[in-house]
Amino acid sequence: MAKWTPTHEAPEPLEGPIVPTIIGGTILWFVLFLVQLPFYGWFDDHGHLWWLWTCLAGAGLGLIGIWYVRGRDAAIKRATAPEKEPAE
């Protein structure tokens, strides 16, 4: 079987409001965790306790994601900022 090779260039990645998107997703995961927390007993009785912990894990990973994308945005801004000439 021959290896498939693309015949055209890949498009540029889309850039958008990355930081607000990650913050919104993190908040959503944490809100879902808080909404499900009062039903802990029901989830435990029916074997769905992993739903609760999935939401908490999503919120925790979202915090890591916020840290990562803020650093990424800062690095992109530093790289595209015009360099200052040293004063003589």
PDB file of N, CA and C in Angstrom:
ATOM      1  N   MET A   1       0.849  -1.170   0.000  1.00  0.00           N
ATOM      2  CA  MET A   1       0.000   0.000   0.000  1.00  0.00           C
ATOM      3  C   MET A   1       0.897   1.235   0.000  1.00  0.00           C
ATOM      4  N   ALA A   2       0.622   2.144  -0.889  1.00  0.00           N
ATOM      5  CA  ALA A   2       1.425   3.356  -1.023  1.00  0.00           C
ATOM      6  C   ALA A   2       1.058   4.356   0.065  1.00  0.00           C
ATOM      7  N   LYS A   3       2.067   5.103   0.483  1.00  0.00           N
ATOM      8  CA  LYS A   3       1.830   6.132   1.502  1.00  0.00           C
ATOM      9  C   LYS A   3       1.124   7.313   0.858  1.00  0.00           C
ATOM     10  N   TRP A   4       0.106   7.825   1.556  1.00  0.00           N
ATOM     11  CA  TRP A   4      -0.650   8.966   1.036  1.00  0.00           C
ATOM     12  C   TRP A   4       0.119  10.243   1.323  1.00  0.00           C
ATOM     13  N   THR A   5       0.296  11.073   0.309  1.00  0.00           N
ATOM     14  CA  THR A   5       0.935  12.371   0.495  1.00  0.00           C
ATOM     15  C   THR A   5      -0.017  13.449   0.010  1.00  0.00           C
ATOM     16  N   PRO A   6      -0.135  14.533   0.773  1.00  0.00           N
ATOM     17  CA  PRO A   6      -1.056  15.596   0.368  1.00  0.00           C
ATOM     18  C   PRO A   6      -0.563  16.288  -0.894  1.00  0.00           C
ATOM     19  N   THR A   7      -1.506  16.751  -1.695  1.00  0.00           N
ATOM     20  CA  THR A   7      -1.158  17.423  -2.946  1.00  0.00           C
ATOM     21  C   THR A   7      -1.250  18.939  -2.822  1.00  0.00           C
ATOM     22  N   HIS A   8      -1.619  19.434  -1.669  1.00  0.00           N
ATOM     23  CA  HIS A   8      -1.702  20.881  -1.463  1.00  0.00           C
ATOM     24  C   HIS A   8      -1.196  21.214  -0.064  1.00  0.00           C
ATOM     25  N   GLU A   9      -0.908  22.501   0.164  1.00  0.00           N
ATOM     26  CA  GLU A   9      -0.403  22.921   1.468  1.00  0.00           C
ATOM     27  C   GLU A   9      -1.541  22.999   2.473  1.00  0.00           C
ATOM     28  N   ALA A  10      -1.205  22.752   3.710  1.00  0.00           N
ATOM     29  CA  ALA A  10      -2.194  22.857   4.779  1.00  0.00           C
ATOM     30  C   ALA A  10      -2.503  24.336   5.034  1.00  0.00           C
ATOM     31  N   PRO A  11      -3.746  24.648   5.358  1.00  0.00           N
ATOM     32  CA  PRO A  11      -4.080  26.043   5.644  1.00  0.00           C
ATOM     33  C   PRO A  11      -3.466  26.495   6.972  1.00  0.00           C
ATOM     34  N   GLU A  12      -3.349  27.801   7.120  1.00  0.00           N
ATOM     35  CA  GLU A  12      -2.838  28.361   8.365  1.00  0.00           C
ATOM     36  C   GLU A  12      -3.828  28.082   9.490  1.00  0.00           C
ATOM     37  N   PRO A  13      -3.337  27.862  10.702  1.00  0.00           N
ATOM     38  CA  PRO A  13      -4.268  27.626  11.814  1.00  0.00           C
ATOM     39  C   PRO A  13      -5.083  28.882  12.113  1.00  0.00           C
ATOM     40  N   LEU A  14      -6.316  28.664  12.548  1.00  0.00           N
ATOM     41  CA  LEU A  14      -7.174  29.789  12.885  1.00  0.00           C
ATOM     42  C   LEU A  14      -6.771  30.349  14.243  1.00  0.00           C
ATOM     43  N   GLU A  15      -6.652  31.644  14.312  1.00  0.00           N
ATOM     44  CA  GLU A  15      -6.370  32.302  15.586  1.00  0.00           C
ATOM     45  C   GLU A  15      -7.628  33.032  16.009  1.00  0.00           C
ATOM     46  N   GLY A  16      -7.962  32.934  17.247  1.00  0.00           N
ATOM     47  CA  GLY A  16      -9.145  33.585  17.765  1.00  0.00           C
ATOM     48  C   GLY A  16      -8.922  33.951  19.216  1.00  0.00           C
ATOM     49  N   PRO A  17      -9.991  34.239  19.916  1.00  0.00           N
ATOM     50  CA  PRO A  17      -9.859  34.586  21.332  1.00  0.00           C
ATOM     51  C   PRO A  17      -9.615  33.328  22.170  1.00  0.00           C
ATOM     52  N   ILE A  18      -8.393  32.851  22.166  1.00  0.00           N
ATOM     53  CA  ILE A  18      -8.055  31.584  22.799  1.00  0.00           C
ATOM     54  C   ILE A  18      -8.233  31.641  24.320  1.00  0.00           C
ATOM     55  N   VAL A  19      -7.682  32.669  24.960  1.00  0.00           N
ATOM     56  CA  VAL A  19      -7.727  32.744  26.424  1.00  0.00           C
ATOM     57  C   VAL A  19      -9.171  32.804  26.930  1.00  0.00           C
ATOM     58  N   PRO A  20     -10.030  33.679  26.392  1.00  0.00           N
ATOM     59  CA  PRO A  20     -11.417  33.675  26.871  1.00  0.00           C
ATOM     60  C   PRO A  20     -12.143  32.350  26.607  1.00  0.00           C
ATOM     61  N   THR A  21     -11.814  31.685  25.536  1.00  0.00           N
ATOM     62  CA  THR A  21     -12.439  30.395  25.238  1.00  0.00           C
ATOM     63  C   THR A  21     -12.064  29.362  26.293  1.00  0.00           C
ATOM     64  N   ILE A  22     -10.790  29.298  26.652  1.00  0.00           N
ATOM     65  CA  ILE A  22     -10.328  28.340  27.659  1.00  0.00           C
ATOM     66  C   ILE A  22     -10.902  28.699  29.033  1.00  0.00           C
ATOM     67  N   ILE A  23     -10.955  29.991  29.359  1.00  0.00           N
ATOM     68  CA  ILE A  23     -11.534  30.411  30.635  1.00  0.00           C
ATOM     69  C   ILE A  23     -13.011  30.025  30.693  1.00  0.00           C
ATOM     70  N   GLY A  24     -13.736  30.267  29.614  1.00  0.00           N
ATOM     71  CA  GLY A  24     -15.155  29.902  29.573  1.00  0.00           C
ATOM     72  C   GLY A  24     -15.374  28.407  29.749  1.00  0.00           C
ATOM     73  N   GLY A  25     -14.566  27.611  29.087  1.00  0.00           N
ATOM     74  CA  GLY A  25     -14.675  26.163  29.221  1.00  0.00           C
ATOM     75  C   GLY A  25     -14.354  25.686  30.622  1.00  0.00           C
ATOM     76  N   THR A  26     -13.348  26.296  31.237  1.00  0.00           N
ATOM     77  CA  THR A  26     -12.972  25.928  32.602  1.00  0.00           C
ATOM     78  C   THR A  26     -14.097  26.267  33.578  1.00  0.00           C
ATOM     79  N   ILE A  27     -14.675  27.436  33.416  1.00  0.00           N
ATOM     80  CA  ILE A  27     -15.796  27.833  34.273  1.00  0.00           C
ATOM     81  C   ILE A  27     -16.968  26.881  34.080  1.00  0.00           C
ATOM     82  N   LEU A  28     -17.237  26.507  32.849  1.00  0.00           N
ATOM     83  CA  LEU A  28     -18.333  25.584  32.568  1.00  0.00           C
ATOM     84  C   LEU A  28     -18.114  24.235  33.259  1.00  0.00           C
ATOM     85  N   TRP A  29     -16.910  23.687  33.181  1.00  0.00           N
ATOM     86  CA  TRP A  29     -16.623  22.416  33.841  1.00  0.00           C
ATOM     87  C   TRP A  29     -16.810  22.527  35.348  1.00  0.00           C
ATOM     88  N   PHE A  30     -16.340  23.651  35.932  1.00  0.00           N
ATOM     89  CA  PHE A  30     -16.453  23.809  37.378  1.00  0.00           C
ATOM     90  C   PHE A  30     -17.913  23.990  37.800  1.00  0.00           C
ATOM     91  N   VAL A  31     -18.691  24.727  37.019  1.00  0.00           N
ATOM     92  CA  VAL A  31     -20.118  24.888  37.323  1.00  0.00           C
ATOM     93  C   VAL A  31     -20.828  23.537  37.241  1.00  0.00           C
ATOM     94  N   LEU A  32     -20.507  22.737  36.229  1.00  0.00           N
ATOM     95  CA  LEU A  32     -21.096  21.402  36.136  1.00  0.00           C
ATOM     96  C   LEU A  32     -20.738  20.546  37.354  1.00  0.00           C
ATOM     97  N   PHE A  33     -19.512  20.674  37.831  1.00  0.00           N
ATOM     98  CA  PHE A  33     -19.117  19.951  39.036  1.00  0.00           C
ATOM     99  C   PHE A  33     -19.957  20.398  40.234  1.00  0.00           C
ATOM    100  N   LEU A  34     -20.113  21.719  40.405  1.00  0.00           N
ATOM    101  CA  LEU A  34     -20.880  22.231  41.537  1.00  0.00           C
ATOM    102  C   LEU A  34     -22.355  21.849  41.459  1.00  0.00           C
ATOM    103  N   VAL A  35     -22.912  21.823  40.255  1.00  0.00           N
ATOM    104  CA  VAL A  35     -24.319  21.450  40.080  1.00  0.00           C
ATOM    105  C   VAL A  35     -24.531  19.979  40.436  1.00  0.00           C
ATOM    106  N   GLN A  36     -23.589  19.134  40.133  1.00  0.00           N
ATOM    107  CA  GLN A  36     -23.735  17.703  40.393  1.00  0.00           C
ATOM    108  C   GLN A  36     -23.367  17.317  41.819  1.00  0.00           C
ATOM    109  N   LEU A  37     -22.648  18.170  42.526  1.00  0.00           N
ATOM    110  CA  LEU A  37     -22.182  17.844  43.873  1.00  0.00           C
ATOM    111  C   LEU A  37     -23.305  17.490  44.856  1.00  0.00           C
ATOM    112  N   PRO A  38     -24.457  18.193  44.848  1.00  0.00           N
ATOM    113  CA  PRO A  38     -25.526  17.791  45.779  1.00  0.00           C
ATOM    114  C   PRO A  38     -26.088  16.393  45.510  1.00  0.00           C
ATOM    115  N   PHE A  39     -25.881  15.860  44.337  1.00  0.00           N
ATOM    116  CA  PHE A  39     -26.414  14.553  43.964  1.00  0.00           C
ATOM    117  C   PHE A  39     -25.354  13.450  44.092  1.00  0.00           C
ATOM    118  N   TYR A  40     -24.345  13.697  44.925  1.00  0.00           N
ATOM    119  CA  TYR A  40     -23.246  12.747  45.094  1.00  0.00           C
ATOM    120  C   TYR A  40     -23.753  11.340  45.432  1.00  0.00           C
ATOM    121  N   GLY A  41     -24.699  11.260  46.366  1.00  0.00           N
ATOM    122  CA  GLY A  41     -25.230   9.961  46.780  1.00  0.00           C
ATOM    123  C   GLY A  41     -25.915   9.225  45.645  1.00  0.00           C
ATOM    124  N   TRP A  42     -26.693   9.941  44.851  1.00  0.00           N
ATOM    125  CA  TRP A  42     -27.388   9.312  43.728  1.00  0.00           C
ATOM    126  C   TRP A  42     -26.382   8.776  42.709  1.00  0.00           C
ATOM    127  N   PHE A  43     -25.380   9.599  42.399  1.00  0.00           N
ATOM    128  CA  PHE A  43     -24.363   9.156  41.450  1.00  0.00           C
ATOM    129  C   PHE A  43     -23.632   7.917  41.981  1.00  0.00           C
ATOM    130  N   ASP A  44     -23.337   7.917  43.277  1.00  0.00           N
ATOM    131  CA  ASP A  44     -22.637   6.785  43.878  1.00  0.00           C
ATOM    132  C   ASP A  44     -23.500   5.524  43.840  1.00  0.00           C
ATOM    133  N   ASP A  45     -24.786   5.668  44.122  1.00  0.00           N
ATOM    134  CA  ASP A  45     -25.689   4.510  44.122  1.00  0.00           C
ATOM    135  C   ASP A  45     -25.873   3.907  42.737  1.00  0.00           C
ATOM    136  N   HIS A  46     -25.839   4.727  41.712  1.00  0.00           N
ATOM    137  CA  HIS A  46     -26.106   4.255  40.345  1.00  0.00           C
ATOM    138  C   HIS A  46     -24.851   4.017  39.516  1.00  0.00           C
ATOM    139  N   GLY A  47     -23.691   4.144  40.133  1.00  0.00           N
ATOM    140  CA  GLY A  47     -22.442   3.864  39.417  1.00  0.00           C
ATOM    141  C   GLY A  47     -22.021   4.946  38.445  1.00  0.00           C
ATOM    142  N   HIS A  48     -22.493   6.176  38.672  1.00  0.00           N
ATOM    143  CA  HIS A  48     -22.147   7.281  37.779  1.00  0.00           C
ATOM    144  C   HIS A  48     -21.275   8.320  38.471  1.00  0.00           C
ATOM    145  N   LEU A  49     -20.553   7.928  39.487  1.00  0.00           N
ATOM    146  CA  LEU A  49     -19.727   8.868  40.230  1.00  0.00           C
ATOM    147  C   LEU A  49     -18.627   9.465  39.363  1.00  0.00           C
ATOM    148  N   TRP A  50     -18.254   8.759  38.326  1.00  0.00           N
ATOM    149  CA  TRP A  50     -17.205   9.262  37.436  1.00  0.00           C
ATOM    150  C   TRP A  50     -17.633  10.541  36.726  1.00  0.00           C
ATOM    151  N   TRP A  51     -18.949  10.783  36.586  1.00  0.00           N
ATOM    152  CA  TRP A  51     -19.415  12.035  35.978  1.00  0.00           C
ATOM    153  C   TRP A  51     -18.933  13.224  36.796  1.00  0.00           C
ATOM    154  N   LEU A  52     -19.053  13.110  38.100  1.00  0.00           N
ATOM    155  CA  LEU A  52     -18.644  14.187  39.001  1.00  0.00           C
ATOM    156  C   LEU A  52     -17.150  14.446  38.892  1.00  0.00           C
ATOM    157  N   TRP A  53     -16.371  13.379  38.930  1.00  0.00           N
ATOM    158  CA  TRP A  53     -14.914  13.531  38.893  1.00  0.00           C
ATOM    159  C   TRP A  53     -14.417  13.963  37.515  1.00  0.00           C
ATOM    160  N   THR A  54     -15.163  13.639  36.468  1.00  0.00           N
ATOM    161  CA  THR A  54     -14.799  14.107  35.138  1.00  0.00           C
ATOM    162  C   THR A  54     -14.910  15.625  35.060  1.00  0.00           C
ATOM    163  N   CYS A  55     -15.976  16.164  35.646  1.00  0.00           N
ATOM    164  CA  CYS A  55     -16.149  17.617  35.655  1.00  0.00           C
ATOM    165  C   CYS A  55     -15.048  18.297  36.452  1.00  0.00           C
ATOM    166  N   LEU A  56     -14.679  17.719  37.590  1.00  0.00           N
ATOM    167  CA  LEU A  56     -13.608  18.304  38.392  1.00  0.00           C
ATOM    168  C   LEU A  56     -12.267  18.218  37.656  1.00  0.00           C
ATOM    169  N   ALA A  57     -12.029  17.110  36.975  1.00  0.00           N
ATOM    170  CA  ALA A  57     -10.790  16.970  36.195  1.00  0.00           C
ATOM    171  C   ALA A  57     -10.764  17.969  35.040  1.00  0.00           C
ATOM    172  N   GLY A  58     -11.919  18.191  34.404  1.00  0.00           N
ATOM    173  CA  GLY A  58     -11.993  19.186  33.329  1.00  0.00           C
ATOM    174  C   GLY A  58     -11.665  20.573  33.832  1.00  0.00           C
ATOM    175  N   ALA A  59     -12.165  20.919  35.026  1.00  0.00           N
ATOM    176  CA  ALA A  59     -11.861  22.227  35.613  1.00  0.00           C
ATOM    177  C   ALA A  59     -10.377  22.328  35.952  1.00  0.00           C
ATOM    178  N   GLY A  60      -9.810  21.270  36.512  1.00  0.00           N
ATOM    179  CA  GLY A  60      -8.387  21.286  36.849  1.00  0.00           C
ATOM    180  C   GLY A  60      -7.491  21.385  35.623  1.00  0.00           C
ATOM    181  N   LEU A  61      -7.814  20.622  34.605  1.00  0.00           N
ATOM    182  CA  LEU A  61      -7.033  20.709  33.363  1.00  0.00           C
ATOM    183  C   LEU A  61      -7.233  22.051  32.679  1.00  0.00           C
ATOM    184  N   GLY A  62      -8.423  22.622  32.857  1.00  0.00           N
ATOM    185  CA  GLY A  62      -8.679  23.956  32.315  1.00  0.00           C
ATOM    186  C   GLY A  62      -7.782  25.003  32.956  1.00  0.00           C
ATOM    187  N   LEU A  63      -7.522  24.875  34.262  1.00  0.00           N
ATOM    188  CA  LEU A  63      -6.612  25.808  34.926  1.00  0.00           C
ATOM    189  C   LEU A  63      -5.202  25.712  34.338  1.00  0.00           C
ATOM    190  N   ILE A  64      -4.771  24.494  34.066  1.00  0.00           N
ATOM    191  CA  ILE A  64      -3.474  24.311  33.409  1.00  0.00           C
ATOM    192  C   ILE A  64      -3.519  24.920  32.010  1.00  0.00           C
ATOM    193  N   GLY A  65      -4.642  24.731  31.314  1.00  0.00           N
ATOM    194  CA  GLY A  65      -4.796  25.291  29.973  1.00  0.00           C
ATOM    195  C   GLY A  65      -4.756  26.812  29.980  1.00  0.00           C
ATOM    196  N   ILE A  66      -5.371  27.437  30.978  1.00  0.00           N
ATOM    197  CA  ILE A  66      -5.337  28.904  31.080  1.00  0.00           C
ATOM    198  C   ILE A  66      -3.900  29.375  31.248  1.00  0.00           C
ATOM    199  N   TRP A  67      -3.170  28.727  32.133  1.00  0.00           N
ATOM    200  CA  TRP A  67      -1.767  29.094  32.345  1.00  0.00           C
ATOM    201  C   TRP A  67      -0.975  28.947  31.040  1.00  0.00           C
ATOM    202  N   TYR A  68      -1.221  27.855  30.322  1.00  0.00           N
ATOM    203  CA  TYR A  68      -0.484  27.581  29.087  1.00  0.00           C
ATOM    204  C   TYR A  68      -0.797  28.608  28.000  1.00  0.00           C
ATOM    205  N   VAL A  69      -2.090  28.885  27.749  1.00  0.00           N
ATOM    206  CA  VAL A  69      -2.432  29.774  26.641  1.00  0.00           C
ATOM    207  C   VAL A  69      -2.096  31.226  26.953  1.00  0.00           C
ATOM    208  N   ARG A  70      -2.110  31.610  28.235  1.00  0.00           N
ATOM    209  CA  ARG A  70      -1.678  32.971  28.570  1.00  0.00           C
ATOM    210  C   ARG A  70      -0.189  33.126  28.272  1.00  0.00           C
ATOM    211  N   GLY A  71       0.593  32.126  28.606  1.00  0.00           N
ATOM    212  CA  GLY A  71       2.017  32.160  28.285  1.00  0.00           C
ATOM    213  C   GLY A  71       2.263  32.143  26.787  1.00  0.00           C
ATOM    214  N   ARG A  72       1.460  31.365  26.074  1.00  0.00           N
ATOM    215  CA  ARG A  72       1.585  31.291  24.614  1.00  0.00           C
ATOM    216  C   ARG A  72       1.266  32.635  23.986  1.00  0.00           C
ATOM    217  N   ASP A  73       0.180  33.263  24.429  1.00  0.00           N
ATOM    218  CA  ASP A  73      -0.177  34.576  23.889  1.00  0.00           C
ATOM    219  C   ASP A  73       0.897  35.614  24.192  1.00  0.00           C
ATOM    220  N   ALA A  74       1.448  35.575  25.393  1.00  0.00           N
ATOM    221  CA  ALA A  74       2.512  36.515  25.755  1.00  0.00           C
ATOM    222  C   ALA A  74       3.743  36.301  24.862  1.00  0.00           C
ATOM    223  N   ALA A  75       4.080  35.044  24.592  1.00  0.00           N
ATOM    224  CA  ALA A  75       5.238  34.750  23.737  1.00  0.00           C
ATOM    225  C   ALA A  75       4.991  35.219  22.304  1.00  0.00           C
ATOM    226  N   ILE A  76       3.767  35.035  21.809  1.00  0.00           N
ATOM    227  CA  ILE A  76       3.442  35.490  20.454  1.00  0.00           C
ATOM    228  C   ILE A  76       3.528  37.010  20.371  1.00  0.00           C
ATOM    229  N   LYS A  77       3.017  37.697  21.399  1.00  0.00           N
ATOM    230  CA  LYS A  77       3.086  39.167  21.397  1.00  0.00           C
ATOM    231  C   LYS A  77       4.525  39.655  21.474  1.00  0.00           C
ATOM    232  N   ARG A  78       5.361  38.980  22.276  1.00  0.00           N
ATOM    233  CA  ARG A  78       6.777  39.363  22.350  1.00  0.00           C
ATOM    234  C   ARG A  78       7.469  39.146  21.016  1.00  0.00           C
ATOM    235  N   ALA A  79       7.125  38.074  20.329  1.00  0.00           N
ATOM    236  CA  ALA A  79       7.791  37.755  19.060  1.00  0.00           C
ATOM    237  C   ALA A  79       7.372  38.711  17.947  1.00  0.00           C
ATOM    238  N   THR A  80       6.139  39.211  18.003  1.00  0.00           N
ATOM    239  CA  THR A  80       5.673  40.095  16.939  1.00  0.00           C
ATOM    240  C   THR A  80       5.854  41.564  17.267  1.00  0.00           C
ATOM    241  N   ALA A  81       6.252  41.895  18.494  1.00  0.00           N
ATOM    242  CA  ALA A  81       6.459  43.289  18.866  1.00  0.00           C
ATOM    243  C   ALA A  81       7.713  43.832  18.170  1.00  0.00           C
ATOM    244  N   PRO A  82       7.658  45.097  17.732  1.00  0.00           N
ATOM    245  CA  PRO A  82       8.850  45.664  17.096  1.00  0.00           C
ATOM    246  C   PRO A  82       9.976  45.796  18.121  1.00  0.00           C
ATOM    247  N   GLU A  83      11.173  45.456  17.656  1.00  0.00           N
ATOM    248  CA  GLU A  83      12.329  45.516  18.542  1.00  0.00           C
ATOM    249  C   GLU A  83      12.745  46.965  18.748  1.00  0.00           C
ATOM    250  N   LYS A  84      13.084  47.292  19.984  1.00  0.00           N
ATOM    251  CA  LYS A  84      13.512  48.660  20.302  1.00  0.00           C
ATOM    252  C   LYS A  84      15.009  48.792  19.998  1.00  0.00           C
ATOM    253  N   GLU A  85      15.354  49.926  19.409  1.00  0.00           N
ATOM    254  CA  GLU A  85      16.758  50.203  19.132  1.00  0.00           C
ATOM    255  C   GLU A  85      17.435  50.645  20.423  1.00  0.00           C
ATOM    256  N   PRO A  86      18.619  50.144  20.712  1.00  0.00           N
ATOM    257  CA  PRO A  86      19.317  50.597  21.924  1.00  0.00           C
ATOM    258  C   PRO A  86      19.728  52.050  21.784  1.00  0.00           C
ATOM    259  N   ALA A  87      19.502  52.853  22.831  1.00  0.00           N
ATOM    260  CA  ALA A  87      19.867  54.278  22.798  1.00  0.00           C
ATOM    261  C   ALA A  87      21.365  54.415  22.980  1.00  0.00           C
ATOM    262  N   GLU A  88      21.944  55.329  22.208  1.00  0.00           N
ATOM    263  CA  GLU A  88      23.395  55.523  22.304  1.00  0.00           C
ATOM    264  C   GLU A  88      23.700  56.714  23.130  1.00  0.00           C
TER     265      GLU A  88
END
